[in-house]
Amino acid sequence: MNRVLMGCLITVVILIVVFFVGGFIVIFHTHVPLHIVASLLSQNEALEITGVSGSLSSGIGVEKISYKHEDGNISRVEDVAFQYEIKSDTLAIKDIHVKHAYFYVYPKITKNSKENEKKDDEFGDDTEEFGDYTETYNQSGNLIIENIDINDVTIETPSLGKKVHLDRFYLSGFEVRDEKVTLGDLVIASDYLDFSMKPLQPSEDGNIQPNSYKMQGAFKEGLHESLVQTITLSGQLDLLDQENIDFIINAVENKIQIKGTGNDQQYNLAMTVNQLTPKSYIKTMPSFQDININYIINAHKDGTSLSEEEVSMTGQFKIGKHTFTLLPFHKKDQKTKDLQTIATSESNGVRYYLNLDFDKLDKSSSPLTLISEPPESLSHILSVLMFDKSFDALNASEAELLKQEMNFYK
């Protein structure tokens, strides 16, 4: 090979190396490809993107994205950024933030919507099917979220006349490292839902563990049309180690307390309800008053699934002035009898039975039945229990309340 040919070959090789190295730098370490993409997208007259910055290697930023809908409404996002860093087996989300966003949503409602919902119900819950895959994925690398701060987001559905506003979503200090989870700070503030979770400093007496978190939240009026009063909750979550957790939740002005402990092999759950009248908070609830209940579940892993070893419930509640006593039951009873009497009451020589059909707990029809001995119609039973009157003696407003109450019983 002569020197001229060798020189040409070396020149070609150098040009190829320069081309690929230069291309790599341009694509991954400059904002050139982002501007190209933005230019292509902006050819759509309805879409406008301005102020693109950053690179594919570390993250991007956009000053404003807007989209004009056919009816003239404009969806927009302002001051958006996504910064990240990838090292070995660790993905670090350095920063995700949104200063302001307003979205118009136009759902497509079809005649087959209800049929599709039914089909979804038929498929059931796929969580168990994908459980092993999720676990494998989570163990494949480390994830660090240093900061996510999304502010002032509004979603409006003009066809329904509805609007939802998110004041803030904030998450920092979240880590999944070597299969150990650190949750960090979490804040959700919106029109209808508030929730926060903050790490606690460990205490010398051991009541607060090194990986413990304080939780507070509220479901506000307007979240659902049936919610008539804000429901508050507070609690503490303790991540004891890689497998075991403890938690305690107090809700509805401390009228409900839930305690739990467990891992993927077993769990224990205890719920206590004190003097709760659900209809004071959710209007589409049965007229049970002054509920006092102790509910316990103990379960362990049997093969590949958790089986409920023990389920028990004791307590009392009222319908009107009539006290019903819960009958102790065990979950294993379901194997021999689906319909069980769960509570009874007796007044003026009449005994009332509240039955629960376990087979209908996950179905749309009511699982409750209310009967009496001697037998009476449901309208008469509820008239006596709720108003201490016969059905014929009810006034118009009482009759309407009774009609609504009958919907909770089959």
Protein backbone atom coordinates (compact mmCIF):
# COMPACT_ATOMS: atom_id res chain seq x y z
CA MET A 1 0.00 0.00 0.00
CA ASN A 2 1.55 3.31 -1.06
CA ARG A 3 1.68 6.37 1.10
CA VAL A 4 -1.08 8.21 -0.80
CA LEU A 5 -3.55 5.34 -0.31
CA MET A 6 -2.54 4.98 3.34
CA GLY A 7 -3.04 8.69 3.85
CA CYS A 8 -6.49 8.56 2.28
CA LEU A 9 -7.47 5.60 4.45
CA ILE A 10 -6.29 7.34 7.61
CA THR A 11 -8.17 10.48 6.60
CA VAL A 12 -11.39 8.50 6.04
CA VAL A 13 -11.05 6.76 9.41
CA ILE A 14 -10.45 10.10 11.15
CA LEU A 15 -13.48 11.62 9.41
CA ILE A 16 -15.68 8.67 10.47
CA VAL A 17 -14.47 8.94 14.09
CA VAL A 18 -14.99 12.70 14.10
CA PHE A 19 -18.44 12.27 12.58
CA PHE A 20 -19.62 9.76 15.18
CA VAL A 21 -17.95 11.45 18.15
CA GLY A 22 -19.15 14.82 17.02
CA GLY A 23 -22.62 13.45 16.36
CA PHE A 24 -22.71 11.89 19.81
CA ILE A 25 -21.73 15.18 21.43
CA VAL A 26 -24.24 17.14 19.37
CA ILE A 27 -27.10 14.72 20.05
CA PHE A 28 -26.54 14.01 23.73
CA HIS A 29 -24.71 17.05 25.08
CA THR A 30 -26.21 20.02 23.25
CA HIS A 31 -29.68 21.44 22.77
CA VAL A 32 -29.58 21.02 18.98
CA PRO A 33 -31.74 17.83 18.76
CA LEU A 34 -34.27 19.32 21.19
CA HIS A 35 -34.65 22.39 18.99
CA ILE A 36 -35.07 20.16 15.94
CA VAL A 37 -37.84 18.18 17.66
CA ALA A 38 -39.48 21.40 18.87
CA SER A 39 -39.39 22.81 15.32
CA LEU A 40 -40.98 19.68 13.88
CA LEU A 41 -43.73 19.67 16.51
CA SER A 42 -44.37 23.37 16.05
CA GLN A 43 -45.31 22.74 12.42
CA ASN A 44 -48.66 21.81 13.90
CA GLU A 45 -50.36 25.22 13.93
CA ALA A 46 -52.27 24.36 17.11
CA LEU A 47 -49.08 23.57 19.04
CA GLU A 48 -46.50 26.14 20.17
CA ILE A 49 -43.24 25.38 22.00
CA THR A 50 -40.86 28.13 23.13
CA GLY A 51 -37.69 28.39 25.18
CA VAL A 52 -36.24 24.90 24.79
CA SER A 53 -32.96 24.28 26.63
CA GLY A 54 -30.81 21.44 27.96
CA SER A 55 -29.59 18.19 26.41
CA LEU A 56 -30.54 14.54 26.21
CA SER A 57 -27.64 13.56 28.48
CA SER A 58 -28.74 15.58 31.51
CA GLY A 59 -32.28 16.82 30.98
CA ILE A 60 -34.44 19.40 29.28
CA GLY A 61 -36.27 22.59 30.05
CA VAL A 62 -39.11 24.37 28.26
CA GLU A 63 -40.39 27.87 28.95
CA LYS A 64 -43.86 27.28 27.53
CA ILE A 65 -45.94 24.70 25.68
CA SER A 66 -49.42 25.61 24.47
CA TYR A 67 -52.04 23.83 22.40
CA LYS A 68 -55.14 25.46 20.92
CA HIS A 69 -58.18 23.18 20.85
CA GLU A 70 -60.88 23.26 18.19
CA ASP A 71 -63.24 25.22 20.44
CA GLY A 72 -60.61 27.92 21.02
CA ASN A 73 -59.57 26.88 24.52
CA ILE A 74 -55.81 26.79 25.05
CA SER A 75 -54.05 24.19 27.18
CA ARG A 76 -50.67 25.38 28.41
CA VAL A 77 -47.69 24.41 30.54
CA GLU A 78 -45.14 26.94 31.75
CA ASP A 79 -41.60 26.61 33.11
CA VAL A 80 -41.15 22.84 32.77
CA ALA A 81 -37.90 21.03 33.56
CA PHE A 82 -36.70 17.46 33.78
CA GLN A 83 -33.11 16.92 34.95
CA TYR A 84 -31.62 13.49 35.51
CA GLU A 85 -28.35 11.60 35.89
CA ILE A 86 -27.56 7.97 35.11
CA LYS A 87 -24.61 6.29 36.80
CA SER A 88 -24.02 2.55 36.59
CA ASP A 89 -27.20 0.94 37.99
CA THR A 90 -28.60 4.16 39.50
CA LEU A 91 -31.10 6.56 37.96
CA ALA A 92 -31.14 9.89 39.79
CA ILE A 93 -34.03 12.26 39.12
CA LYS A 94 -32.35 15.55 39.99
CA ASP A 95 -35.32 17.80 39.35
CA ILE A 96 -38.79 17.74 37.84
CA HIS A 97 -40.75 20.93 38.15
CA VAL A 98 -43.75 22.69 36.65
CA LYS A 99 -44.55 26.29 37.57
CA HIS A 100 -48.03 26.43 36.05
CA ALA A 101 -50.30 24.29 33.88
CA TYR A 102 -53.88 24.44 32.63
CA PHE A 103 -55.31 21.50 30.70
CA TYR A 104 -58.63 21.15 28.90
CA VAL A 105 -59.81 17.55 28.68
CA TYR A 106 -62.37 16.28 26.17
CA PRO A 107 -63.36 12.72 27.06
CA LYS A 108 -64.88 10.57 24.35
CA ILE A 109 -68.08 9.07 25.71
CA THR A 110 -69.31 6.10 23.68
CA LYS A 111 -72.35 3.90 23.91
CA ASN A 112 -70.11 0.98 24.81
CA SER A 113 -68.61 2.64 27.90
CA LYS A 114 -70.74 0.62 30.31
CA GLU A 115 -70.03 -2.60 28.41
CA ASN A 116 -66.31 -1.91 28.63
CA GLU A 117 -66.63 -1.36 32.39
CA LYS A 118 -68.34 -4.73 32.69
CA LYS A 119 -65.55 -6.37 30.69
CA ASP A 120 -62.97 -4.81 32.99
CA ASP A 121 -64.81 -6.28 35.98
CA GLU A 122 -64.79 -9.70 34.33
CA PHE A 123 -61.02 -9.64 33.97
CA GLY A 124 -60.72 -8.90 37.70
CA ASP A 125 -57.57 -7.78 39.48
CA ASP A 126 -54.32 -8.48 37.64
CA THR A 127 -52.11 -7.41 40.55
CA GLU A 128 -51.27 -10.95 41.56
CA GLU A 129 -50.45 -11.94 37.97
CA PHE A 130 -47.90 -9.16 37.58
CA GLY A 131 -46.61 -9.26 41.15
CA ASP A 132 -43.44 -11.24 40.43
CA TYR A 133 -42.60 -9.05 37.43
CA THR A 134 -42.94 -5.87 39.51
CA GLU A 135 -40.73 -7.25 42.25
CA THR A 136 -38.05 -8.27 39.73
CA TYR A 137 -38.14 -4.85 38.10
CA ASN A 138 -37.76 -3.01 41.40
CA GLN A 139 -34.72 -5.07 42.29
CA SER A 140 -32.94 -4.46 38.99
CA GLY A 141 -31.48 -1.06 39.92
CA ASN A 142 -31.47 1.93 42.22
CA LEU A 143 -33.74 4.95 41.97
CA ILE A 144 -33.17 8.33 43.60
CA ILE A 145 -35.65 11.20 43.43
CA GLU A 146 -34.06 14.39 44.70
CA ASN A 147 -36.84 16.81 43.83
CA ILE A 148 -40.24 16.82 42.15
CA ASP A 149 -42.16 20.06 42.52
CA ILE A 150 -45.32 20.52 40.44
CA ASN A 151 -47.39 23.63 41.14
CA ASP A 152 -50.65 25.30 40.12
CA VAL A 153 -52.14 22.65 37.82
CA THR A 154 -55.77 22.89 36.71
CA ILE A 155 -57.66 20.26 34.71
CA GLU A 156 -60.98 21.36 33.22
CA THR A 157 -63.58 19.23 31.44
CA PRO A 158 -65.83 21.71 29.58
CA SER A 159 -68.40 19.09 28.54
CA LEU A 160 -69.00 18.15 32.18
CA GLY A 161 -68.57 21.61 33.64
CA LYS A 162 -65.99 20.28 36.09
CA LYS A 163 -62.63 21.63 37.16
CA VAL A 164 -59.94 20.19 39.46
CA HIS A 165 -57.03 22.18 40.83
CA LEU A 166 -53.76 20.85 42.22
CA ASP A 167 -51.98 23.48 44.31
CA ARG A 168 -48.85 21.43 44.74
CA PHE A 169 -47.30 18.00 44.41
CA TYR A 170 -43.89 17.78 46.09
CA LEU A 171 -41.60 14.79 46.60
CA SER A 172 -37.97 14.79 47.74
CA GLY A 173 -35.54 12.37 49.32
CA PHE A 174 -37.16 9.26 47.84
CA GLU A 175 -34.72 6.38 47.35
CA VAL A 176 -34.75 2.74 46.39
CA ARG A 177 -31.19 1.65 47.00
CA ASP A 178 -30.04 -1.96 47.40
CA GLU A 179 -33.70 -2.98 47.89
CA LYS A 180 -34.06 -0.58 50.84
CA VAL A 181 -36.76 2.09 50.49
CA THR A 182 -36.56 5.62 51.91
CA LEU A 183 -39.78 7.54 51.30
CA GLY A 184 -38.67 11.10 51.98
CA ASP A 185 -40.97 14.17 52.02
CA LEU A 186 -44.32 14.05 50.24
CA VAL A 187 -46.89 16.85 49.96
CA ILE A 188 -50.15 16.81 47.98
CA ALA A 189 -52.35 19.90 48.24
CA SER A 190 -55.48 20.27 46.12
CA ASP A 191 -59.10 21.37 46.12
CA TYR A 192 -60.42 18.08 47.43
CA LEU A 193 -57.46 16.16 48.83
CA ASP A 194 -54.58 17.08 51.13
CA PHE A 195 -51.87 14.63 52.16
CA SER A 196 -48.39 14.94 53.62
CA MET A 197 -45.76 12.52 54.83
CA LYS A 198 -42.57 13.64 56.55
CA PRO A 199 -39.64 11.73 58.08
CA LEU A 200 -39.41 11.73 61.88
CA GLN A 201 -36.25 11.97 63.92
CA PRO A 202 -35.55 8.67 65.78
CA SER A 203 -36.16 8.81 69.55
CA GLU A 204 -33.97 7.31 72.24
CA ASP A 205 -36.91 5.43 73.82
CA GLY A 206 -37.43 3.50 70.55
CA ASN A 207 -40.98 4.76 69.95
CA ILE A 208 -39.80 6.41 66.74
CA GLN A 209 -37.73 4.17 64.47
CA PRO A 210 -34.92 5.41 62.15
CA ASN A 211 -37.17 5.04 59.08
CA SER A 212 -40.44 6.45 60.49
CA TYR A 213 -42.85 8.88 58.88
CA LYS A 214 -45.67 11.10 60.08
CA MET A 215 -48.77 11.17 57.88
CA GLN A 216 -51.61 13.68 57.71
CA GLY A 217 -54.43 14.07 55.24
CA ALA A 218 -57.96 15.19 54.52
CA PHE A 219 -60.67 14.18 52.04
CA LYS A 220 -62.56 17.42 51.49
CA GLU A 221 -66.15 18.19 50.60
CA GLY A 222 -66.50 18.24 46.84
CA LEU A 223 -64.28 15.20 46.29
CA HIS A 224 -67.51 13.28 45.77
CA GLU A 225 -71.11 14.42 45.78
CA SER A 226 -71.92 12.03 48.64
CA LEU A 227 -69.24 13.49 50.94
CA VAL A 228 -70.93 16.00 53.27
CA GLN A 229 -68.11 16.63 55.74
CA THR A 230 -64.32 16.66 55.54
CA ILE A 231 -62.75 13.36 56.61
CA THR A 232 -59.38 13.78 58.30
CA LEU A 233 -56.65 11.23 58.93
CA SER A 234 -53.28 11.11 60.67
CA GLY A 235 -50.83 8.40 61.48
CA GLN A 236 -47.35 6.99 61.53
CA LEU A 237 -45.57 4.55 59.23
CA ASP A 238 -42.50 2.62 60.40
CA LEU A 239 -40.32 0.82 57.86
CA LEU A 240 -38.60 -1.48 60.34
CA ASP A 241 -36.30 -3.15 57.82
CA GLN A 242 -36.33 -4.35 54.22
CA GLU A 243 -39.31 -6.63 54.89
CA ASN A 244 -41.32 -5.52 57.93
CA ILE A 245 -43.57 -2.49 58.40
CA ASP A 246 -45.75 -1.13 61.19
CA PHE A 247 -48.41 1.54 60.79
CA ILE A 248 -51.16 3.26 62.72
CA ILE A 249 -53.87 5.44 61.18
CA ASN A 250 -56.44 7.57 62.99
CA ALA A 251 -59.31 8.84 60.87
CA VAL A 252 -62.68 10.61 61.09
CA GLU A 253 -61.79 12.70 64.15
CA ASN A 254 -60.09 9.67 65.74
CA LYS A 255 -63.31 7.64 65.61
CA ILE A 256 -61.53 5.04 63.51
CA GLN A 257 -58.12 3.61 64.36
CA ILE A 258 -56.30 1.05 62.22
CA LYS A 259 -53.12 -0.68 63.34
CA GLY A 260 -51.12 -3.06 61.24
CA THR A 261 -47.85 -4.93 61.12
CA GLY A 262 -46.48 -7.46 58.69
CA ASN A 263 -44.37 -8.49 55.72
CA ASP A 264 -44.76 -10.58 52.58
CA GLN A 265 -45.16 -13.74 54.69
CA GLN A 266 -47.80 -12.63 57.20
CA TYR A 267 -49.71 -9.61 58.46
CA ASN A 268 -51.90 -8.58 61.37
CA LEU A 269 -54.54 -5.88 61.16
CA ALA A 270 -56.75 -4.45 63.91
CA MET A 271 -59.44 -1.81 63.44
CA THR A 272 -61.35 -0.07 66.20
CA VAL A 273 -64.43 2.08 65.57
CA ASN A 274 -65.81 4.31 68.34
CA GLN A 275 -69.14 6.15 68.27
CA LEU A 276 -69.16 6.56 64.49
CA THR A 277 -72.23 7.61 62.51
CA PRO A 278 -71.15 7.21 58.84
CA LYS A 279 -74.10 9.18 57.45
CA SER A 280 -72.72 12.30 59.14
CA TYR A 281 -69.85 12.18 56.67
CA ILE A 282 -71.16 10.26 53.65
CA LYS A 283 -74.84 10.70 52.86
CA THR A 284 -75.07 7.52 50.79
CA MET A 285 -74.49 5.27 53.81
CA PRO A 286 -77.00 3.20 55.79
CA SER A 287 -78.48 4.85 58.88
CA PHE A 288 -76.25 3.01 61.35
CA GLN A 289 -75.49 5.17 64.38
CA ASP A 290 -72.98 5.10 67.25
CA ILE A 291 -70.99 2.23 65.74
CA ASN A 292 -68.55 0.54 68.11
CA ILE A 293 -66.57 -2.27 66.50
CA ASN A 294 -63.38 -4.27 67.01
CA TYR A 295 -62.20 -5.94 63.81
CA ILE A 296 -59.15 -8.23 63.64
CA ILE A 297 -57.42 -10.00 60.75
CA ASN A 298 -54.45 -12.34 61.07
CA ALA A 299 -53.08 -13.89 57.89
CA HIS A 300 -50.07 -15.85 56.74
CA LYS A 301 -48.64 -16.95 53.41
CA ASP A 302 -49.95 -20.27 52.19
CA GLY A 303 -47.96 -21.30 49.15
CA THR A 304 -47.97 -18.35 46.75
CA SER A 305 -50.88 -16.37 48.25
CA LEU A 306 -51.90 -14.91 51.59
CA SER A 307 -54.71 -16.81 53.30
CA GLU A 308 -56.80 -15.23 56.05
CA GLU A 309 -56.19 -17.38 59.09
CA GLU A 310 -58.44 -15.48 61.47
CA VAL A 311 -61.07 -12.80 60.95
CA SER A 312 -63.23 -11.69 63.83
CA MET A 313 -65.54 -8.76 64.54
CA THR A 314 -67.43 -7.78 67.69
CA GLY A 315 -69.36 -4.67 68.70
CA GLN A 316 -72.65 -2.78 68.57
CA PHE A 317 -74.47 -0.12 66.57
CA LYS A 318 -77.90 1.49 66.46
CA ILE A 319 -80.67 1.91 63.91
CA GLY A 320 -82.77 4.70 65.36
CA LYS A 321 -82.98 3.97 69.09
CA HIS A 322 -82.60 0.22 68.64
CA THR A 323 -79.26 -1.35 69.52
CA PHE A 324 -77.93 -4.19 67.36
CA THR A 325 -75.27 -6.52 68.76
CA LEU A 326 -72.74 -8.01 66.35
CA LEU A 327 -72.46 -11.78 66.50
CA PRO A 328 -68.90 -13.16 66.66
CA PHE A 329 -67.95 -14.84 63.41
CA HIS A 330 -64.94 -16.47 61.82
CA LYS A 331 -64.01 -16.12 58.18
CA LYS A 332 -63.80 -19.91 57.83
CA ASP A 333 -67.58 -20.02 58.27
CA GLN A 334 -67.87 -18.84 54.67
CA LYS A 335 -66.89 -22.30 53.48
CA THR A 336 -70.13 -23.75 54.77
CA LYS A 337 -72.49 -20.78 54.65
CA ASP A 338 -72.35 -17.67 52.45
CA LEU A 339 -75.25 -15.87 54.15
CA GLN A 340 -74.62 -15.11 57.82
CA THR A 341 -76.52 -13.23 60.50
CA ILE A 342 -74.04 -10.64 61.70
CA ALA A 343 -76.18 -8.64 64.14
CA THR A 344 -79.44 -8.95 66.07
CA SER A 345 -81.76 -6.71 68.07
CA GLU A 346 -84.93 -7.34 70.09
CA SER A 347 -87.72 -4.92 70.97
CA ASN A 348 -91.33 -5.42 72.12
CA GLY A 349 -91.23 -9.15 71.48
CA VAL A 350 -89.87 -8.80 67.93
CA ARG A 351 -86.37 -9.99 67.04
CA TYR A 352 -84.51 -8.40 64.13
CA TYR A 353 -81.75 -10.04 62.11
CA LEU A 354 -79.20 -8.24 59.94
CA ASN A 355 -77.71 -10.69 57.44
CA LEU A 356 -74.62 -10.34 55.26
CA ASP A 357 -74.19 -12.25 52.01
CA PHE A 358 -70.41 -12.66 51.66
CA ASP A 359 -70.82 -13.76 48.06
CA LYS A 360 -72.11 -10.27 47.14
CA LEU A 361 -69.45 -8.17 48.87
CA ASP A 362 -67.65 -7.48 45.58
CA LYS A 363 -70.80 -7.06 43.49
CA SER A 364 -73.07 -4.14 42.71
CA SER A 365 -76.15 -5.55 44.47
CA SER A 366 -76.52 -5.01 48.20
CA PRO A 367 -75.09 -7.76 50.41
CA LEU A 368 -77.39 -6.82 53.33
CA THR A 369 -80.81 -8.21 54.26
CA LEU A 370 -82.96 -7.21 57.23
CA ILE A 371 -85.66 -9.57 58.48
CA SER A 372 -87.74 -10.01 61.62
CA GLU A 373 -89.35 -12.73 63.70
CA PRO A 374 -92.35 -12.70 63.52
CA PRO A 375 -91.91 -11.88 59.80
CA GLU A 376 -92.73 -8.35 58.60
CA SER A 377 -92.14 -6.43 55.40
CA LEU A 378 -88.89 -4.49 55.03
CA SER A 379 -90.78 -1.18 54.94
CA HIS A 380 -92.49 -1.99 58.24
CA ILE A 381 -89.23 -3.15 59.87
CA LEU A 382 -87.39 0.03 58.92
CA SER A 383 -90.36 2.23 59.97
CA VAL A 384 -90.29 0.76 63.47
CA LEU A 385 -86.50 0.79 63.79
CA MET A 386 -85.94 4.30 62.40
CA PHE A 387 -89.02 6.14 63.62
CA ASP A 388 -90.79 3.85 66.12
CA LYS A 389 -93.88 4.07 63.92
CA SER A 390 -95.76 1.85 61.57
CA PHE A 391 -95.28 2.49 57.86
CA ASP A 392 -98.78 3.98 57.51
CA ALA A 393 -98.05 6.59 60.22
CA LEU A 394 -95.00 8.12 58.49
CA ASN A 395 -95.13 11.68 57.20
CA ALA A 396 -93.85 12.63 53.73
CA SER A 397 -90.24 13.42 54.76
CA GLU A 398 -89.98 10.25 56.87
CA ALA A 399 -91.36 8.17 54.03
CA GLU A 400 -88.74 9.61 51.66
CA LEU A 401 -85.91 8.80 54.12
CA LEU A 402 -87.24 5.28 54.48
CA LYS A 403 -87.41 4.87 50.70
CA GLN A 404 -83.72 5.83 50.44
CA GLU A 405 -82.81 3.47 53.27
CA MET A 406 -84.50 0.52 51.59
CA ASN A 407 -81.93 0.74 48.78
CA PHE A 408 -79.27 -0.64 51.14
CA TYR A 409 -81.13 -3.92 51.55
CA LYS A 410 -81.97 -6.44 48.86
